[in-house]
Amino acid sequence: MITIEDFNKVDMRVGTIIEATVNQKAKKPAYKLKIDFGKEMGIKTSSAQITKCYKEEDLIGRQIIAVVNFPPRQVADVKSEVLILGTDSKQGIVLLEPEQQVENGDKIY
């Protein structure tokens, strides 16, 4: 088990996907995403294995929730700066999204 103090160390924020392209060099099918997290954090990149449930064009403008304080990871030729959150469902990875439109950079509690 983790403590509430451990949980509070995870910085989760809302961002809007502004660009989605196929991550050609990834071992498993993935998209390279550019996500706007607002003025404070700016635009971050991520590689996400969400190709089963989403097309590139359907991702643009979609708000997502991501962990923003993990160290960057290199995924093929993409520096993945944030970890996008989703459910590992039978149909594939389904993104977690705010129920209503909110400000980019809003913190998740």
N, C-alpha and C. Protein backbone atom coordinates (compact mmCIF):
# COMPACT_ATOMS: atom_id res chain seq x y z
N MET A 1 0.83 -1.18 0.00
CA MET A 1 0.00 0.00 0.00
C MET A 1 0.88 1.25 0.00
N ILE A 2 0.32 2.32 -0.57
CA ILE A 2 1.01 3.60 -0.51
C ILE A 2 0.26 4.53 0.44
N THR A 3 0.94 5.55 0.87
CA THR A 3 0.31 6.52 1.75
C THR A 3 -0.25 7.67 0.91
N ILE A 4 -1.07 8.51 1.54
CA ILE A 4 -1.59 9.70 0.86
C ILE A 4 -0.43 10.62 0.48
N GLU A 5 0.61 10.64 1.30
CA GLU A 5 1.79 11.45 0.98
C GLU A 5 2.46 10.95 -0.30
N ASP A 6 2.53 9.63 -0.47
CA ASP A 6 3.08 9.06 -1.71
C ASP A 6 2.22 9.47 -2.91
N PHE A 7 0.90 9.34 -2.77
CA PHE A 7 -0.01 9.69 -3.85
C PHE A 7 0.13 11.16 -4.22
N ASN A 8 0.28 12.02 -3.23
CA ASN A 8 0.37 13.45 -3.48
C ASN A 8 1.64 13.85 -4.22
N LYS A 9 2.63 12.96 -4.27
CA LYS A 9 3.85 13.23 -5.04
C LYS A 9 3.62 13.12 -6.54
N VAL A 10 2.55 12.43 -6.96
CA VAL A 10 2.25 12.25 -8.38
C VAL A 10 1.50 13.49 -8.88
N ASP A 11 2.12 14.19 -9.83
CA ASP A 11 1.53 15.42 -10.37
C ASP A 11 0.79 15.07 -11.66
N MET A 12 -0.54 15.06 -11.56
CA MET A 12 -1.39 14.76 -12.72
C MET A 12 -2.06 16.04 -13.17
N ARG A 13 -2.02 16.29 -14.49
CA ARG A 13 -2.57 17.52 -15.04
C ARG A 13 -3.40 17.21 -16.28
N VAL A 14 -4.25 18.18 -16.63
CA VAL A 14 -5.06 18.10 -17.84
C VAL A 14 -4.32 18.83 -18.96
N GLY A 15 -4.34 18.22 -20.13
CA GLY A 15 -3.76 18.85 -21.31
C GLY A 15 -4.62 18.57 -22.53
N THR A 16 -4.41 19.35 -23.58
CA THR A 16 -5.14 19.17 -24.83
C THR A 16 -4.17 18.72 -25.91
N ILE A 17 -4.52 17.63 -26.60
CA ILE A 17 -3.68 17.12 -27.68
C ILE A 17 -3.78 18.09 -28.86
N ILE A 18 -2.64 18.58 -29.32
CA ILE A 18 -2.62 19.53 -30.43
C ILE A 18 -2.03 18.92 -31.71
N GLU A 19 -1.35 17.78 -31.56
CA GLU A 19 -0.77 17.11 -32.72
C GLU A 19 -0.66 15.62 -32.44
N ALA A 20 -0.98 14.80 -33.43
CA ALA A 20 -0.86 13.34 -33.30
C ALA A 20 -0.35 12.76 -34.61
N THR A 21 0.77 12.04 -34.53
CA THR A 21 1.33 11.38 -35.70
C THR A 21 1.75 9.97 -35.30
N VAL A 22 1.88 9.08 -36.25
CA VAL A 22 2.31 7.71 -35.97
C VAL A 22 3.78 7.74 -35.54
N ASN A 23 4.08 7.04 -34.45
CA ASN A 23 5.46 6.87 -34.00
C ASN A 23 6.03 5.70 -34.78
N GLN A 24 6.58 6.00 -35.94
CA GLN A 24 7.03 4.99 -36.90
C GLN A 24 8.05 4.00 -36.34
N LYS A 25 8.90 4.44 -35.42
CA LYS A 25 9.99 3.60 -34.94
C LYS A 25 9.67 2.85 -33.66
N ALA A 26 8.49 3.02 -33.12
CA ALA A 26 8.12 2.32 -31.88
C ALA A 26 7.98 0.82 -32.15
N LYS A 27 8.35 0.00 -31.18
CA LYS A 27 8.24 -1.46 -31.33
C LYS A 27 6.79 -1.90 -31.43
N LYS A 28 5.91 -1.28 -30.64
CA LYS A 28 4.47 -1.56 -30.70
C LYS A 28 3.79 -0.33 -31.29
N PRO A 29 2.66 -0.52 -32.00
CA PRO A 29 1.98 0.63 -32.60
C PRO A 29 1.69 1.73 -31.57
N ALA A 30 2.09 2.95 -31.92
CA ALA A 30 1.93 4.08 -30.99
C ALA A 30 1.83 5.38 -31.77
N TYR A 31 1.33 6.40 -31.09
CA TYR A 31 1.29 7.75 -31.64
C TYR A 31 2.28 8.62 -30.89
N LYS A 32 2.87 9.56 -31.61
CA LYS A 32 3.64 10.63 -31.02
C LYS A 32 2.66 11.79 -30.85
N LEU A 33 2.52 12.26 -29.62
CA LEU A 33 1.55 13.31 -29.33
C LEU A 33 2.25 14.56 -28.83
N LYS A 34 1.72 15.72 -29.22
CA LYS A 34 2.12 16.99 -28.63
C LYS A 34 0.90 17.47 -27.86
N ILE A 35 1.13 17.81 -26.59
CA ILE A 35 0.04 18.13 -25.68
C ILE A 35 0.30 19.48 -25.04
N ASP A 36 -0.73 20.34 -25.07
CA ASP A 36 -0.64 21.67 -24.48
C ASP A 36 -1.12 21.61 -23.03
N PHE A 37 -0.21 21.90 -22.09
CA PHE A 37 -0.54 21.91 -20.68
C PHE A 37 -0.67 23.33 -20.12
N GLY A 38 -0.89 24.31 -20.97
CA GLY A 38 -1.11 25.67 -20.52
C GLY A 38 0.18 26.47 -20.36
N LYS A 39 0.01 27.72 -19.91
CA LYS A 39 1.13 28.67 -19.83
C LYS A 39 2.25 28.21 -18.91
N GLU A 40 1.90 27.65 -17.77
CA GLU A 40 2.91 27.28 -16.77
C GLU A 40 3.83 26.16 -17.27
N MET A 41 3.25 25.14 -17.92
CA MET A 41 4.02 23.95 -18.33
C MET A 41 4.37 23.93 -19.81
N GLY A 42 3.53 24.55 -20.63
CA GLY A 42 3.79 24.58 -22.06
C GLY A 42 3.41 23.29 -22.76
N ILE A 43 4.06 23.04 -23.89
CA ILE A 43 3.77 21.88 -24.73
C ILE A 43 4.77 20.77 -24.43
N LYS A 44 4.24 19.57 -24.22
CA LYS A 44 5.06 18.39 -23.92
C LYS A 44 4.76 17.31 -24.95
N THR A 45 5.70 16.39 -25.12
CA THR A 45 5.51 15.27 -26.05
C THR A 45 5.33 13.98 -25.27
N SER A 46 4.66 13.04 -25.93
CA SER A 46 4.47 11.72 -25.34
C SER A 46 4.31 10.70 -26.46
N SER A 47 4.68 9.47 -26.18
CA SER A 47 4.40 8.36 -27.09
C SER A 47 3.37 7.49 -26.38
N ALA A 48 2.26 7.23 -27.07
CA ALA A 48 1.16 6.50 -26.43
C ALA A 48 0.66 5.37 -27.32
N GLN A 49 0.52 4.18 -26.72
CA GLN A 49 0.03 3.00 -27.44
C GLN A 49 -1.50 2.98 -27.39
N ILE A 50 -2.11 3.87 -28.15
CA ILE A 50 -3.56 4.03 -28.14
C ILE A 50 -4.16 3.88 -29.54
N THR A 51 -3.45 3.18 -30.41
CA THR A 51 -3.87 3.09 -31.81
C THR A 51 -5.08 2.19 -32.04
N LYS A 52 -5.38 1.29 -31.11
CA LYS A 52 -6.54 0.40 -31.31
C LYS A 52 -7.86 1.15 -31.19
N CYS A 53 -7.91 2.13 -30.30
CA CYS A 53 -9.18 2.82 -30.02
C CYS A 53 -9.29 4.21 -30.66
N TYR A 54 -8.18 4.75 -31.14
CA TYR A 54 -8.20 6.13 -31.62
C TYR A 54 -7.47 6.28 -32.95
N LYS A 55 -8.01 7.14 -33.81
CA LYS A 55 -7.34 7.56 -35.04
C LYS A 55 -6.67 8.89 -34.76
N GLU A 56 -5.62 9.17 -35.51
CA GLU A 56 -4.87 10.41 -35.30
C GLU A 56 -5.79 11.63 -35.28
N GLU A 57 -6.65 11.72 -36.29
CA GLU A 57 -7.52 12.90 -36.43
C GLU A 57 -8.54 13.02 -35.30
N ASP A 58 -8.88 11.92 -34.66
CA ASP A 58 -9.85 11.96 -33.55
C ASP A 58 -9.22 12.46 -32.25
N LEU A 59 -7.90 12.48 -32.19
CA LEU A 59 -7.20 12.88 -30.97
C LEU A 59 -7.02 14.40 -30.85
N ILE A 60 -6.96 15.09 -31.98
CA ILE A 60 -6.72 16.52 -31.97
C ILE A 60 -7.85 17.25 -31.25
N GLY A 61 -7.49 18.07 -30.27
CA GLY A 61 -8.47 18.83 -29.50
C GLY A 61 -9.03 18.08 -28.30
N ARG A 62 -8.67 16.84 -28.12
CA ARG A 62 -9.17 16.03 -27.01
C ARG A 62 -8.36 16.35 -25.75
N GLN A 63 -9.06 16.56 -24.65
CA GLN A 63 -8.37 16.75 -23.38
C GLN A 63 -8.08 15.40 -22.75
N ILE A 64 -6.89 15.30 -22.16
CA ILE A 64 -6.45 14.05 -21.53
C ILE A 64 -5.91 14.36 -20.13
N ILE A 65 -5.64 13.32 -19.39
CA ILE A 65 -5.01 13.45 -18.07
C ILE A 65 -3.67 12.72 -18.15
N ALA A 66 -2.63 13.38 -17.64
CA ALA A 66 -1.30 12.79 -17.72
C ALA A 66 -0.52 13.06 -16.45
N VAL A 67 0.41 12.15 -16.15
CA VAL A 67 1.39 12.38 -15.09
C VAL A 67 2.51 13.20 -15.71
N VAL A 68 2.83 14.32 -15.07
CA VAL A 68 3.79 15.24 -15.68
C VAL A 68 5.12 15.34 -14.93
N ASN A 69 5.27 14.60 -13.83
CA ASN A 69 6.52 14.72 -13.07
C ASN A 69 7.34 13.43 -13.01
N PHE A 70 7.13 12.52 -13.97
CA PHE A 70 8.05 11.41 -14.13
C PHE A 70 9.24 11.89 -14.97
N PRO A 71 10.40 11.26 -14.82
CA PRO A 71 11.51 11.63 -15.69
C PRO A 71 11.18 11.26 -17.14
N PRO A 72 11.66 12.04 -18.11
CA PRO A 72 11.41 11.70 -19.52
C PRO A 72 11.99 10.33 -19.86
N ARG A 73 11.31 9.64 -20.79
CA ARG A 73 11.76 8.33 -21.28
C ARG A 73 11.91 8.41 -22.79
N GLN A 74 12.90 7.75 -23.30
CA GLN A 74 13.08 7.68 -24.74
C GLN A 74 12.29 6.48 -25.27
N VAL A 75 11.33 6.73 -26.16
CA VAL A 75 10.53 5.68 -26.79
C VAL A 75 10.79 5.78 -28.28
N ALA A 76 11.62 4.86 -28.77
CA ALA A 76 12.10 4.93 -30.16
C ALA A 76 12.76 6.29 -30.34
N ASP A 77 12.29 7.11 -31.27
CA ASP A 77 12.92 8.42 -31.49
C ASP A 77 12.15 9.56 -30.82
N VAL A 78 11.27 9.24 -29.89
CA VAL A 78 10.44 10.24 -29.20
C VAL A 78 10.89 10.37 -27.74
N LYS A 79 11.13 11.62 -27.33
CA LYS A 79 11.37 11.89 -25.91
C LYS A 79 10.00 12.04 -25.26
N SER A 80 9.57 11.01 -24.54
CA SER A 80 8.26 11.01 -23.91
C SER A 80 8.37 11.70 -22.55
N GLU A 81 7.79 12.91 -22.47
CA GLU A 81 7.95 13.76 -21.29
C GLU A 81 6.82 13.57 -20.27
N VAL A 82 5.70 13.02 -20.70
CA VAL A 82 4.56 12.81 -19.80
C VAL A 82 3.97 11.43 -20.05
N LEU A 83 3.28 10.91 -19.04
CA LEU A 83 2.62 9.61 -19.16
C LEU A 83 1.11 9.83 -19.21
N ILE A 84 0.52 9.56 -20.35
CA ILE A 84 -0.92 9.73 -20.52
C ILE A 84 -1.62 8.57 -19.82
N LEU A 85 -2.70 8.88 -19.11
CA LEU A 85 -3.41 7.86 -18.34
C LEU A 85 -4.61 7.31 -19.11
N GLY A 86 -4.81 6.01 -18.97
CA GLY A 86 -5.94 5.35 -19.61
C GLY A 86 -6.19 4.00 -18.96
N THR A 87 -7.28 3.38 -19.34
CA THR A 87 -7.61 2.06 -18.83
C THR A 87 -7.12 1.00 -19.80
N ASP A 88 -6.65 -0.10 -19.29
CA ASP A 88 -6.23 -1.23 -20.12
C ASP A 88 -7.45 -2.13 -20.27
N SER A 89 -8.26 -1.84 -21.27
CA SER A 89 -9.55 -2.51 -21.46
C SER A 89 -9.47 -3.55 -22.57
N LYS A 90 -10.50 -4.38 -22.68
CA LYS A 90 -10.48 -5.44 -23.70
C LYS A 90 -10.37 -4.88 -25.12
N GLN A 91 -10.89 -3.66 -25.35
CA GLN A 91 -10.82 -3.06 -26.68
C GLN A 91 -9.52 -2.31 -26.92
N GLY A 92 -8.68 -2.19 -25.90
CA GLY A 92 -7.42 -1.46 -26.00
C GLY A 92 -7.35 -0.39 -24.93
N ILE A 93 -6.38 0.48 -25.03
CA ILE A 93 -6.23 1.55 -24.05
C ILE A 93 -7.27 2.64 -24.33
N VAL A 94 -8.06 2.95 -23.30
CA VAL A 94 -9.08 3.99 -23.38
C VAL A 94 -8.62 5.14 -22.50
N LEU A 95 -8.51 6.33 -23.07
CA LEU A 95 -7.99 7.49 -22.37
C LEU A 95 -8.90 7.96 -21.24
N LEU A 96 -8.29 8.45 -20.17
CA LEU A 96 -9.02 9.14 -19.11
C LEU A 96 -9.15 10.60 -19.53
N GLU A 97 -10.37 11.14 -19.39
CA GLU A 97 -10.63 12.50 -19.82
C GLU A 97 -11.51 13.21 -18.80
N PRO A 98 -11.37 14.54 -18.68
CA PRO A 98 -12.30 15.27 -17.82
C PRO A 98 -13.71 15.20 -18.40
N GLU A 99 -14.69 15.18 -17.55
CA GLU A 99 -16.09 15.12 -17.99
C GLU A 99 -16.51 16.42 -18.67
N GLN A 100 -15.93 17.53 -18.24
CA GLN A 100 -16.22 18.83 -18.82
C GLN A 100 -14.93 19.47 -19.30
N GLN A 101 -15.04 20.42 -20.21
CA GLN A 101 -13.88 21.19 -20.68
C GLN A 101 -13.31 21.98 -19.50
N VAL A 102 -12.02 21.88 -19.27
CA VAL A 102 -11.35 22.60 -18.19
C VAL A 102 -10.10 23.28 -18.75
N GLU A 103 -9.42 24.04 -17.92
CA GLU A 103 -8.21 24.74 -18.35
C GLU A 103 -7.05 23.76 -18.50
N ASN A 104 -6.25 23.94 -19.53
CA ASN A 104 -5.03 23.16 -19.67
C ASN A 104 -4.13 23.47 -18.49
N GLY A 105 -3.56 22.42 -17.91
CA GLY A 105 -2.69 22.57 -16.76
C GLY A 105 -3.39 22.38 -15.43
N ASP A 106 -4.75 22.29 -15.44
CA ASP A 106 -5.47 22.05 -14.19
C ASP A 106 -4.94 20.77 -13.54
N LYS A 107 -4.76 20.85 -12.21
CA LYS A 107 -4.21 19.73 -11.44
C LYS A 107 -5.33 18.76 -11.07
N ILE A 108 -5.01 17.47 -11.09
CA ILE A 108 -5.93 16.41 -10.67
C ILE A 108 -5.67 16.10 -9.22
N TYR A 109 -6.71 16.03 -8.44
CA TYR A 109 -6.62 15.71 -7.00
C TYR A 109 -7.36 14.44 -6.70
